[in-house]
PDB file of N, CA and C in Angstrom:
ATOM      1  N   MET A   1      12.736 -25.842 -62.429  1.00  0.00           N
ATOM      2  CA  MET A   1      11.640 -25.109 -61.811  1.00  0.00           C
ATOM      3  C   MET A   1      10.324 -25.735 -62.290  1.00  0.00           C
ATOM      4  N   THR A   2       9.424 -25.987 -61.352  1.00  0.00           N
ATOM      5  CA  THR A   2       8.140 -26.592 -61.705  1.00  0.00           C
ATOM      6  C   THR A   2       7.261 -25.572 -62.428  1.00  0.00           C
ATOM      7  N   PRO A   3       6.261 -26.048 -63.182  1.00  0.00           N
ATOM      8  CA  PRO A   3       5.351 -25.108 -63.844  1.00  0.00           C
ATOM      9  C   PRO A   3       4.664 -24.154 -62.856  1.00  0.00           C
ATOM     10  N   GLU A   4       4.263 -24.673 -61.678  1.00  0.00           N
ATOM     11  CA  GLU A   4       3.624 -23.794 -60.693  1.00  0.00           C
ATOM     12  C   GLU A   4       4.616 -22.774 -60.140  1.00  0.00           C
ATOM     13  N   ALA A   5       5.855 -23.163 -59.968  1.00  0.00           N
ATOM     14  CA  ALA A   5       6.878 -22.219 -59.493  1.00  0.00           C
ATOM     15  C   ALA A   5       7.071 -21.094 -60.505  1.00  0.00           C
ATOM     16  N   LYS A   6       6.964 -21.411 -61.788  1.00  0.00           N
ATOM     17  CA  LYS A   6       7.072 -20.379 -62.822  1.00  0.00           C
ATOM     18  C   LYS A   6       5.914 -19.383 -62.722  1.00  0.00           C
ATOM     19  N   VAL A   7       4.713 -19.885 -62.429  1.00  0.00           N
ATOM     20  CA  VAL A   7       3.551 -19.006 -62.256  1.00  0.00           C
ATOM     21  C   VAL A   7       3.770 -18.113 -61.035  1.00  0.00           C
ATOM     22  N   LYS A   8       4.262 -18.689 -59.945  1.00  0.00           N
ATOM     23  CA  LYS A   8       4.522 -17.906 -58.736  1.00  0.00           C
ATOM     24  C   LYS A   8       5.565 -16.820 -59.004  1.00  0.00           C
ATOM     25  N   LYS A   9       6.562 -17.134 -59.801  1.00  0.00           N
ATOM     26  CA  LYS A   9       7.581 -16.143 -60.150  1.00  0.00           C
ATOM     27  C   LYS A   9       6.960 -14.981 -60.918  1.00  0.00           C
ATOM     28  N   GLN A  10       6.043 -15.283 -61.842  1.00  0.00           N
ATOM     29  CA  GLN A  10       5.356 -14.227 -62.590  1.00  0.00           C
ATOM     30  C   GLN A  10       4.488 -13.386 -61.661  1.00  0.00           C
ATOM     31  N   ILE A  11       3.815 -14.033 -60.723  1.00  0.00           N
ATOM     32  CA  ILE A  11       2.974 -13.308 -59.765  1.00  0.00           C
ATOM     33  C   ILE A  11       3.833 -12.364 -58.937  1.00  0.00           C
ATOM     34  N   ARG A  12       4.952 -12.862 -58.419  1.00  0.00           N
ATOM     35  CA  ARG A  12       5.853 -12.006 -57.621  1.00  0.00           C
ATOM     36  C   ARG A  12       6.322 -10.807 -58.430  1.00  0.00           C
ATOM     37  N   LYS A  13       6.653 -11.023 -59.695  1.00  0.00           N
ATOM     38  CA  LYS A  13       7.111  -9.925 -60.547  1.00  0.00           C
ATOM     39  C   LYS A  13       6.019  -8.862 -60.685  1.00  0.00           C
ATOM     40  N   ILE A  14       4.783  -9.288 -60.906  1.00  0.00           N
ATOM     41  CA  ILE A  14       3.665  -8.345 -61.033  1.00  0.00           C
ATOM     42  C   ILE A  14       3.475  -7.579 -59.730  1.00  0.00           C
ATOM     43  N   LEU A  15       3.461  -8.288 -58.612  1.00  0.00           N
ATOM     44  CA  LEU A  15       3.244  -7.633 -57.315  1.00  0.00           C
ATOM     45  C   LEU A  15       4.382  -6.673 -56.993  1.00  0.00           C
ATOM     46  N   ASP A  16       5.611  -7.066 -57.289  1.00  0.00           N
ATOM     47  CA  ASP A  16       6.757  -6.180 -57.041  1.00  0.00           C
ATOM     48  C   ASP A  16       6.701  -4.943 -57.938  1.00  0.00           C
ATOM     49  N   THR A  17       6.401  -5.140 -59.209  1.00  0.00           N
ATOM     50  CA  THR A  17       6.358  -4.039 -60.172  1.00  0.00           C
ATOM     51  C   THR A  17       5.269  -3.034 -59.828  1.00  0.00           C
ATOM     52  N   THR A  18       4.131  -3.528 -59.342  1.00  0.00           N
ATOM     53  CA  THR A  18       3.005  -2.646 -59.023  1.00  0.00           C
ATOM     54  C   THR A  18       3.047  -2.156 -57.576  1.00  0.00           C
ATOM     55  N   ARG A  19       4.109  -2.539 -56.866  1.00  0.00           N
ATOM     56  CA  ARG A  19       4.322  -2.107 -55.477  1.00  0.00           C
ATOM     57  C   ARG A  19       3.178  -2.518 -54.558  1.00  0.00           C
ATOM     58  N   VAL A  20       2.712  -3.734 -54.730  1.00  0.00           N
ATOM     59  CA  VAL A  20       1.663  -4.296 -53.886  1.00  0.00           C
ATOM     60  C   VAL A  20       2.329  -5.100 -52.773  1.00  0.00           C
ATOM     61  N   TYR A  21       1.898  -4.867 -51.527  1.00  0.00           N
ATOM     62  CA  TYR A  21       2.432  -5.645 -50.409  1.00  0.00           C
ATOM     63  C   TYR A  21       1.924  -7.079 -50.521  1.00  0.00           C
ATOM     64  N   TYR A  22       2.799  -8.037 -50.244  1.00  0.00           N
ATOM     65  CA  TYR A  22       2.365  -9.432 -50.223  1.00  0.00           C
ATOM     66  C   TYR A  22       3.241 -10.263 -49.296  1.00  0.00           C
ATOM     67  N   ALA A  23       2.685 -11.380 -48.892  1.00  0.00           N
ATOM     68  CA  ALA A  23       3.410 -12.386 -48.112  1.00  0.00           C
ATOM     69  C   ALA A  23       3.032 -13.739 -48.679  1.00  0.00           C
ATOM     70  N   MET A  24       3.958 -14.662 -48.558  1.00  0.00           N
ATOM     71  CA  MET A  24       3.726 -16.023 -49.035  1.00  0.00           C
ATOM     72  C   MET A  24       3.799 -16.964 -47.832  1.00  0.00           C
ATOM     73  N   PRO A  25       2.643 -17.319 -47.265  1.00  0.00           N
ATOM     74  CA  PRO A  25       2.659 -18.217 -46.108  1.00  0.00           C
ATOM     75  C   PRO A  25       3.176 -19.599 -46.501  1.00  0.00           C
ATOM     76  N   ILE A  26       3.911 -20.195 -45.615  1.00  0.00           N
ATOM     77  CA  ILE A  26       4.470 -21.524 -45.860  1.00  0.00           C
ATOM     78  C   ILE A  26       3.492 -22.569 -45.321  1.00  0.00           C
ATOM     79  N   GLY A  27       3.084 -23.475 -46.175  1.00  0.00           N
ATOM     80  CA  GLY A  27       2.144 -24.527 -45.765  1.00  0.00           C
ATOM     81  C   GLY A  27       2.863 -25.697 -45.131  1.00  0.00           C
ATOM     82  N   THR A  28       3.230 -25.539 -43.870  1.00  0.00           N
ATOM     83  CA  THR A  28       3.903 -26.621 -43.143  1.00  0.00           C
ATOM     84  C   THR A  28       3.025 -27.061 -41.991  1.00  0.00           C
ATOM     85  N   GLY A  29       3.499 -27.944 -41.201  1.00  0.00           N
ATOM     86  CA  GLY A  29       2.764 -28.415 -40.035  1.00  0.00           C
ATOM     87  C   GLY A  29       2.494 -27.316 -39.024  1.00  0.00           C
ATOM     88  N   TYR A  30       3.209 -26.202 -39.121  1.00  0.00           N
ATOM     89  CA  TYR A  30       3.042 -25.110 -38.173  1.00  0.00           C
ATOM     90  C   TYR A  30       2.056 -24.053 -38.654  1.00  0.00           C
ATOM     91  N   GLY A  31       1.709 -24.071 -39.923  1.00  0.00           N
ATOM     92  CA  GLY A  31       0.796 -23.067 -40.469  1.00  0.00           C
ATOM     93  C   GLY A  31      -0.550 -23.679 -40.815  1.00  0.00           C
ATOM     94  N   ALA A  32      -1.462 -22.829 -41.244  1.00  0.00           N
ATOM     95  CA  ALA A  32      -2.791 -23.286 -41.633  1.00  0.00           C
ATOM     96  C   ALA A  32      -2.750 -23.840 -43.057  1.00  0.00           C
ATOM     97  N   SER A  33      -3.366 -24.981 -43.258  1.00  0.00           N
ATOM     98  CA  SER A  33      -3.418 -25.591 -44.588  1.00  0.00           C
ATOM     99  C   SER A  33      -4.500 -24.928 -45.426  1.00  0.00           C
ATOM    100  N   GLY A  34      -4.286 -24.906 -46.735  1.00  0.00           N
ATOM    101  CA  GLY A  34      -5.294 -24.382 -47.651  1.00  0.00           C
ATOM    102  C   GLY A  34      -5.279 -22.883 -47.833  1.00  0.00           C
ATOM    103  N   VAL A  35      -4.359 -22.193 -47.160  1.00  0.00           N
ATOM    104  CA  VAL A  35      -4.250 -20.740 -47.288  1.00  0.00           C
ATOM    105  C   VAL A  35      -3.698 -20.437 -48.685  1.00  0.00           C
ATOM    106  N   PRO A  36      -4.200 -19.381 -49.356  1.00  0.00           N
ATOM    107  CA  PRO A  36      -3.686 -19.053 -50.691  1.00  0.00           C
ATOM    108  C   PRO A  36      -2.168 -18.857 -50.693  1.00  0.00           C
ATOM    109  N   ASP A  37      -1.562 -19.047 -51.851  1.00  0.00           N
ATOM    110  CA  ASP A  37      -0.117 -18.933 -51.990  1.00  0.00           C
ATOM    111  C   ASP A  37       0.398 -17.532 -51.687  1.00  0.00           C
ATOM    112  N   PHE A  38      -0.408 -16.518 -51.995  1.00  0.00           N
ATOM    113  CA  PHE A  38      -0.041 -15.124 -51.747  1.00  0.00           C
ATOM    114  C   PHE A  38      -1.172 -14.438 -50.994  1.00  0.00           C
ATOM    115  N   LEU A  39      -0.809 -13.711 -49.952  1.00  0.00           N
ATOM    116  CA  LEU A  39      -1.746 -12.838 -49.245  1.00  0.00           C
ATOM    117  C   LEU A  39      -1.255 -11.428 -49.539  1.00  0.00           C
ATOM    118  N   ALA A  40      -2.088 -10.644 -50.211  1.00  0.00           N
ATOM    119  CA  ALA A  40      -1.658  -9.332 -50.677  1.00  0.00           C
ATOM    120  C   ALA A  40      -2.602  -8.235 -50.196  1.00  0.00           C
ATOM    121  N   CYS A  41      -2.077  -7.009 -50.184  1.00  0.00           N
ATOM    122  CA  CYS A  41      -2.873  -5.846 -49.845  1.00  0.00           C
ATOM    123  C   CYS A  41      -2.555  -4.750 -50.858  1.00  0.00           C
ATOM    124  N   CYS A  42      -3.604  -4.275 -51.532  1.00  0.00           N
ATOM    125  CA  CYS A  42      -3.454  -3.245 -52.561  1.00  0.00           C
ATOM    126  C   CYS A  42      -4.469  -2.147 -52.289  1.00  0.00           C
ATOM    127  N   GLU A  43      -3.970  -0.962 -51.983  1.00  0.00           N
ATOM    128  CA  GLU A  43      -4.849   0.183 -51.705  1.00  0.00           C
ATOM    129  C   GLU A  43      -5.887  -0.165 -50.630  1.00  0.00           C
ATOM    130  N   GLY A  44      -5.468  -0.923 -49.625  1.00  0.00           N
ATOM    131  CA  GLY A  44      -6.349  -1.292 -48.536  1.00  0.00           C
ATOM    132  C   GLY A  44      -7.258  -2.479 -48.824  1.00  0.00           C
ATOM    133  N   LYS A  45      -7.162  -3.060 -49.994  1.00  0.00           N
ATOM    134  CA  LYS A  45      -7.970  -4.224 -50.367  1.00  0.00           C
ATOM    135  C   LYS A  45      -7.148  -5.492 -50.152  1.00  0.00           C
ATOM    136  N   PHE A  46      -7.734  -6.443 -49.434  1.00  0.00           N
ATOM    137  CA  PHE A  46      -7.086  -7.730 -49.196  1.00  0.00           C
ATOM    138  C   PHE A  46      -7.332  -8.636 -50.393  1.00  0.00           C
ATOM    139  N   ILE A  47      -6.268  -9.284 -50.879  1.00  0.00           N
ATOM    140  CA  ILE A  47      -6.388 -10.182 -52.028  1.00  0.00           C
ATOM    141  C   ILE A  47      -5.716 -11.512 -51.700  1.00  0.00           C
ATOM    142  N   GLY A  48      -6.466 -12.590 -51.851  1.00  0.00           N
ATOM    143  CA  GLY A  48      -5.911 -13.937 -51.742  1.00  0.00           C
ATOM    144  C   GLY A  48      -5.627 -14.434 -53.148  1.00  0.00           C
ATOM    145  N   ILE A  49      -4.383 -14.830 -53.411  1.00  0.00           N
ATOM    146  CA  ILE A  49      -3.982 -15.261 -54.749  1.00  0.00           C
ATOM    147  C   ILE A  49      -3.498 -16.704 -54.678  1.00  0.00           C
ATOM    148  N   GLU A  50      -4.175 -17.575 -55.392  1.00  0.00           N
ATOM    149  CA  GLU A  50      -3.783 -18.985 -55.467  1.00  0.00           C
ATOM    150  C   GLU A  50      -3.146 -19.238 -56.826  1.00  0.00           C
ATOM    151  N   ALA A  51      -1.958 -19.811 -56.829  1.00  0.00           N
ATOM    152  CA  ALA A  51      -1.238 -20.102 -58.074  1.00  0.00           C
ATOM    153  C   ALA A  51      -1.459 -21.562 -58.472  1.00  0.00           C
ATOM    154  N   LYS A  52      -1.735 -21.779 -59.723  1.00  0.00           N
ATOM    155  CA  LYS A  52      -1.897 -23.122 -60.286  1.00  0.00           C
ATOM    156  C   LYS A  52      -1.173 -23.164 -61.619  1.00  0.00           C
ATOM    157  N   ALA A  53      -0.836 -24.350 -62.061  1.00  0.00           N
ATOM    158  CA  ALA A  53      -0.213 -24.521 -63.370  1.00  0.00           C
ATOM    159  C   ALA A  53      -1.190 -25.261 -64.278  1.00  0.00           C
ATOM    160  N   GLY A  54      -1.244 -24.834 -65.530  1.00  0.00           N
ATOM    161  CA  GLY A  54      -2.090 -25.520 -66.510  1.00  0.00           C
ATOM    162  C   GLY A  54      -3.536 -25.599 -66.073  1.00  0.00           C
ATOM    163  N   LYS A  55      -4.061 -26.802 -66.072  1.00  0.00           N
ATOM    164  CA  LYS A  55      -5.460 -27.009 -65.687  1.00  0.00           C
ATOM    165  C   LYS A  55      -5.594 -27.397 -64.224  1.00  0.00           C
ATOM    166  N   GLY A  56      -4.570 -27.080 -63.435  1.00  0.00           N
ATOM    167  CA  GLY A  56      -4.593 -27.403 -62.008  1.00  0.00           C
ATOM    168  C   GLY A  56      -5.822 -26.816 -61.338  1.00  0.00           C
ATOM    169  N   LYS A  57      -6.415 -27.587 -60.480  1.00  0.00           N
ATOM    170  CA  LYS A  57      -7.638 -27.183 -59.776  1.00  0.00           C
ATOM    171  C   LYS A  57      -7.347 -26.955 -58.302  1.00  0.00           C
ATOM    172  N   THR A  58      -8.110 -26.073 -57.696  1.00  0.00           N
ATOM    173  CA  THR A  58      -7.989 -25.854 -56.264  1.00  0.00           C
ATOM    174  C   THR A  58      -8.591 -27.044 -55.521  1.00  0.00           C
ATOM    175  N   THR A  59      -8.042 -27.316 -54.354  1.00  0.00           N
ATOM    176  CA  THR A  59      -8.575 -28.388 -53.516  1.00  0.00           C
ATOM    177  C   THR A  59      -9.803 -27.877 -52.774  1.00  0.00           C
ATOM    178  N   ALA A  60     -10.545 -28.781 -52.169  1.00  0.00           N
ATOM    179  CA  ALA A  60     -11.717 -28.393 -51.390  1.00  0.00           C
ATOM    180  C   ALA A  60     -11.315 -27.454 -50.251  1.00  0.00           C
ATOM    181  N   LEU A  61     -10.193 -27.731 -49.609  1.00  0.00           N
ATOM    182  CA  LEU A  61      -9.729 -26.878 -48.506  1.00  0.00           C
ATOM    183  C   LEU A  61      -9.331 -25.496 -49.016  1.00  0.00           C
ATOM    184  N   GLN A  62      -8.680 -25.433 -50.162  1.00  0.00           N
ATOM    185  CA  GLN A  62      -8.339 -24.138 -50.749  1.00  0.00           C
ATOM    186  C   GLN A  62      -9.599 -23.369 -51.112  1.00  0.00           C
ATOM    187  N   GLU A  63     -10.576 -24.038 -51.694  1.00  0.00           N
ATOM    188  CA  GLU A  63     -11.847 -23.389 -52.033  1.00  0.00           C
ATOM    189  C   GLU A  63     -12.533 -22.851 -50.791  1.00  0.00           C
ATOM    190  N   HIS A  64     -12.484 -23.616 -49.719  1.00  0.00           N
ATOM    191  CA  HIS A  64     -13.087 -23.180 -48.450  1.00  0.00           C
ATOM    192  C   HIS A  64     -12.423 -21.882 -47.967  1.00  0.00           C
ATOM    193  N   ASN A  65     -11.099 -21.839 -48.015  1.00  0.00           N
ATOM    194  CA  ASN A  65     -10.383 -20.638 -47.574  1.00  0.00           C
ATOM    195  C   ASN A  65     -10.657 -19.455 -48.498  1.00  0.00           C
ATOM    196  N   LEU A  66     -10.694 -19.696 -49.803  1.00  0.00           N
ATOM    197  CA  LEU A  66     -10.994 -18.613 -50.748  1.00  0.00           C
ATOM    198  C   LEU A  66     -12.405 -18.069 -50.500  1.00  0.00           C
ATOM    199  N   GLN A  67     -13.344 -18.956 -50.230  1.00  0.00           N
ATOM    200  CA  GLN A  67     -14.719 -18.531 -49.951  1.00  0.00           C
ATOM    201  C   GLN A  67     -14.777 -17.700 -48.666  1.00  0.00           C
ATOM    202  N   ARG A  68     -14.033 -18.093 -47.658  1.00  0.00           N
ATOM    203  CA  ARG A  68     -14.006 -17.331 -46.399  1.00  0.00           C
ATOM    204  C   ARG A  68     -13.437 -15.937 -46.617  1.00  0.00           C
ATOM    205  N   ILE A  69     -12.424 -15.834 -47.460  1.00  0.00           N
ATOM    206  CA  ILE A  69     -11.855 -14.514 -47.784  1.00  0.00           C
ATOM    207  C   ILE A  69     -12.923 -13.664 -48.473  1.00  0.00           C
ATOM    208  N   ARG A  70     -13.589 -14.243 -49.456  1.00  0.00           N
ATOM    209  CA  ARG A  70     -14.644 -13.532 -50.204  1.00  0.00           C
ATOM    210  C   ARG A  70     -15.757 -13.080 -49.254  1.00  0.00           C
ATOM    211  N   GLU A  71     -16.196 -13.965 -48.372  1.00  0.00           N
ATOM    212  CA  GLU A  71     -17.263 -13.637 -47.421  1.00  0.00           C
ATOM    213  C   GLU A  71     -16.842 -12.551 -46.439  1.00  0.00           C
ATOM    214  N   SER A  72     -15.545 -12.405 -46.216  1.00  0.00           N
ATOM    215  CA  SER A  72     -15.021 -11.389 -45.298  1.00  0.00           C
ATOM    216  C   SER A  72     -14.774 -10.058 -45.998  1.00  0.00           C
ATOM    217  N   GLY A  73     -15.115  -9.984 -47.287  1.00  0.00           N
ATOM    218  CA  GLY A  73     -14.959  -8.738 -48.024  1.00  0.00           C
ATOM    219  C   GLY A  73     -13.669  -8.632 -48.808  1.00  0.00           C
ATOM    220  N   GLY A  74     -12.867  -9.686 -48.791  1.00  0.00           N
ATOM    221  CA  GLY A  74     -11.618  -9.684 -49.552  1.00  0.00           C
ATOM    222  C   GLY A  74     -11.859 -10.108 -50.990  1.00  0.00           C
ATOM    223  N   LEU A  75     -10.834  -9.948 -51.777  1.00  0.00           N
ATOM    224  CA  LEU A  75     -10.871 -10.366 -53.178  1.00  0.00           C
ATOM    225  C   LEU A  75     -10.039 -11.630 -53.327  1.00  0.00           C
ATOM    226  N   ILE A  76     -10.413 -12.475 -54.261  1.00  0.00           N
ATOM    227  CA  ILE A  76      -9.642 -13.689 -54.513  1.00  0.00           C
ATOM    228  C   ILE A  76      -9.450 -13.857 -56.007  1.00  0.00           C
ATOM    229  N   ILE A  77      -8.349 -14.518 -56.359  1.00  0.00           N
ATOM    230  CA  ILE A  77      -8.096 -14.838 -57.755  1.00  0.00           C
ATOM    231  C   ILE A  77      -7.231 -16.100 -57.802  1.00  0.00           C
ATOM    232  N   VAL A  78      -7.582 -16.988 -58.714  1.00  0.00           N
ATOM    233  CA  VAL A  78      -6.778 -18.180 -58.975  1.00  0.00           C
ATOM    234  C   VAL A  78      -6.073 -17.927 -60.298  1.00  0.00           C
ATOM    235  N   VAL A  79      -4.745 -17.973 -60.278  1.00  0.00           N
ATOM    236  CA  VAL A  79      -3.944 -17.566 -61.427  1.00  0.00           C
ATOM    237  C   VAL A  79      -3.147 -18.751 -61.974  1.00  0.00           C
ATOM    238  N   ASN A  80      -3.153 -18.883 -63.297  1.00  0.00           N
ATOM    239  CA  ASN A  80      -2.244 -19.814 -63.968  1.00  0.00           C
ATOM    240  C   ASN A  80      -1.576 -19.064 -65.109  1.00  0.00           C
ATOM    241  N   GLU A  81      -0.747 -19.771 -65.865  1.00  0.00           N
ATOM    242  CA  GLU A  81       0.000 -19.094 -66.925  1.00  0.00           C
ATOM    243  C   GLU A  81      -0.900 -18.570 -68.041  1.00  0.00           C
ATOM    244  N   LEU A  82      -2.130 -19.060 -68.118  1.00  0.00           N
ATOM    245  CA  LEU A  82      -3.046 -18.625 -69.173  1.00  0.00           C
ATOM    246  C   LEU A  82      -3.831 -17.365 -68.811  1.00  0.00           C
ATOM    247  N   ASN A  83      -3.998 -17.086 -67.513  1.00  0.00           N
ATOM    248  CA  ASN A  83      -4.791 -15.917 -67.117  1.00  0.00           C
ATOM    249  C   ASN A  83      -4.018 -14.944 -66.226  1.00  0.00           C
ATOM    250  N   ILE A  84      -2.706 -14.983 -66.284  1.00  0.00           N
ATOM    251  CA  ILE A  84      -1.879 -14.111 -65.443  1.00  0.00           C
ATOM    252  C   ILE A  84      -2.228 -12.643 -65.649  1.00  0.00           C
ATOM    253  N   ASN A  85      -2.683 -12.297 -66.852  1.00  0.00           N
ATOM    254  CA  ASN A  85      -3.044 -10.908 -67.144  1.00  0.00           C
ATOM    255  C   ASN A  85      -4.230 -10.442 -66.293  1.00  0.00           C
ATOM    256  N   GLU A  86      -5.068 -11.367 -65.843  1.00  0.00           N
ATOM    257  CA  GLU A  86      -6.208 -10.992 -65.003  1.00  0.00           C
ATOM    258  C   GLU A  86      -5.746 -10.414 -63.665  1.00  0.00           C
ATOM    259  N   LEU A  87      -4.619 -10.890 -63.156  1.00  0.00           N
ATOM    260  CA  LEU A  87      -4.072 -10.326 -61.918  1.00  0.00           C
ATOM    261  C   LEU A  87      -3.635  -8.889 -62.150  1.00  0.00           C
ATOM    262  N   GLU A  88      -2.945  -8.643 -63.246  1.00  0.00           N
ATOM    263  CA  GLU A  88      -2.530  -7.275 -63.580  1.00  0.00           C
ATOM    264  C   GLU A  88      -3.741  -6.367 -63.736  1.00  0.00           C
ATOM    265  N   GLU A  89      -4.779  -6.848 -64.404  1.00  0.00           N
ATOM    266  CA  GLU A  89      -5.999  -6.061 -64.613  1.00  0.00           C
ATOM    267  C   GLU A  89      -6.680  -5.748 -63.284  1.00  0.00           C
ATOM    268  N   LEU A  90      -6.729  -6.720 -62.374  1.00  0.00           N
ATOM    269  CA  LEU A  90      -7.344  -6.513 -61.067  1.00  0.00           C
ATOM    270  C   LEU A  90      -6.586  -5.439 -60.299  1.00  0.00           C
ATOM    271  N   ILE A  91      -5.274  -5.521 -60.288  1.00  0.00           N
ATOM    272  CA  ILE A  91      -4.468  -4.535 -59.569  1.00  0.00           C
ATOM    273  C   ILE A  91      -4.638  -3.146 -60.175  1.00  0.00           C
ATOM    274  N   CYS A  92      -4.609  -3.069 -61.499  1.00  0.00           N
ATOM    275  CA  CYS A  92      -4.793  -1.767 -62.163  1.00  0.00           C
ATOM    276  C   CYS A  92      -6.155  -1.170 -61.814  1.00  0.00           C
ATOM    277  N   GLU A  93      -7.176  -1.994 -61.793  1.00  0.00           N
ATOM    278  CA  GLU A  93      -8.524  -1.522 -61.457  1.00  0.00           C
ATOM    279  C   GLU A  93      -8.565  -0.973 -60.040  1.00  0.00           C
ATOM    280  N   ILE A  94      -7.948  -1.688 -59.109  1.00  0.00           N
ATOM    281  CA  ILE A  94      -7.930  -1.232 -57.707  1.00  0.00           C
ATOM    282  C   ILE A  94      -7.137   0.060 -57.587  1.00  0.00           C
ATOM    283  N   GLN A  95      -6.000   0.153 -58.254  1.00  0.00           N
ATOM    284  CA  GLN A  95      -5.134   1.319 -58.117  1.00  0.00           C
ATOM    285  C   GLN A  95      -5.727   2.562 -58.783  1.00  0.00           C
ATOM    286  N   LYS A  96      -6.628   2.397 -59.743  1.00  0.00           N
ATOM    287  CA  LYS A  96      -7.265   3.546 -60.387  1.00  0.00           C
ATOM    288  C   LYS A  96      -8.295   4.210 -59.498  1.00  0.00           C
ATOM    289  N   LYS A  97      -8.873   3.453 -58.558  1.00  0.00           N
ATOM    290  CA  LYS A  97      -9.948   4.000 -57.716  1.00  0.00           C
ATOM    291  C   LYS A  97      -9.425   4.895 -56.648  1.00  0.00           C
TER     292      LYS A  97
END
């Protein structure tokens, strides 16, 4: 399993445990490129979640899509194994409101 796949597995576990709806779009020739790895909805809030491993950086196209989500009123987060707790904190904050 690749390091990024391990991060995605942790993200899925958090989303499943907190009962957050999510989908993982497949980046193939038939889909849109640069879409976050997870598209989630928590208490009516749209969240774009991009998974990275280590010091992995988002591409320009990924940044463009994340910015469009933010401009549309959605939330975005880039998660790696070092900040996975930030996803849990974001979900807890949304669910408390």
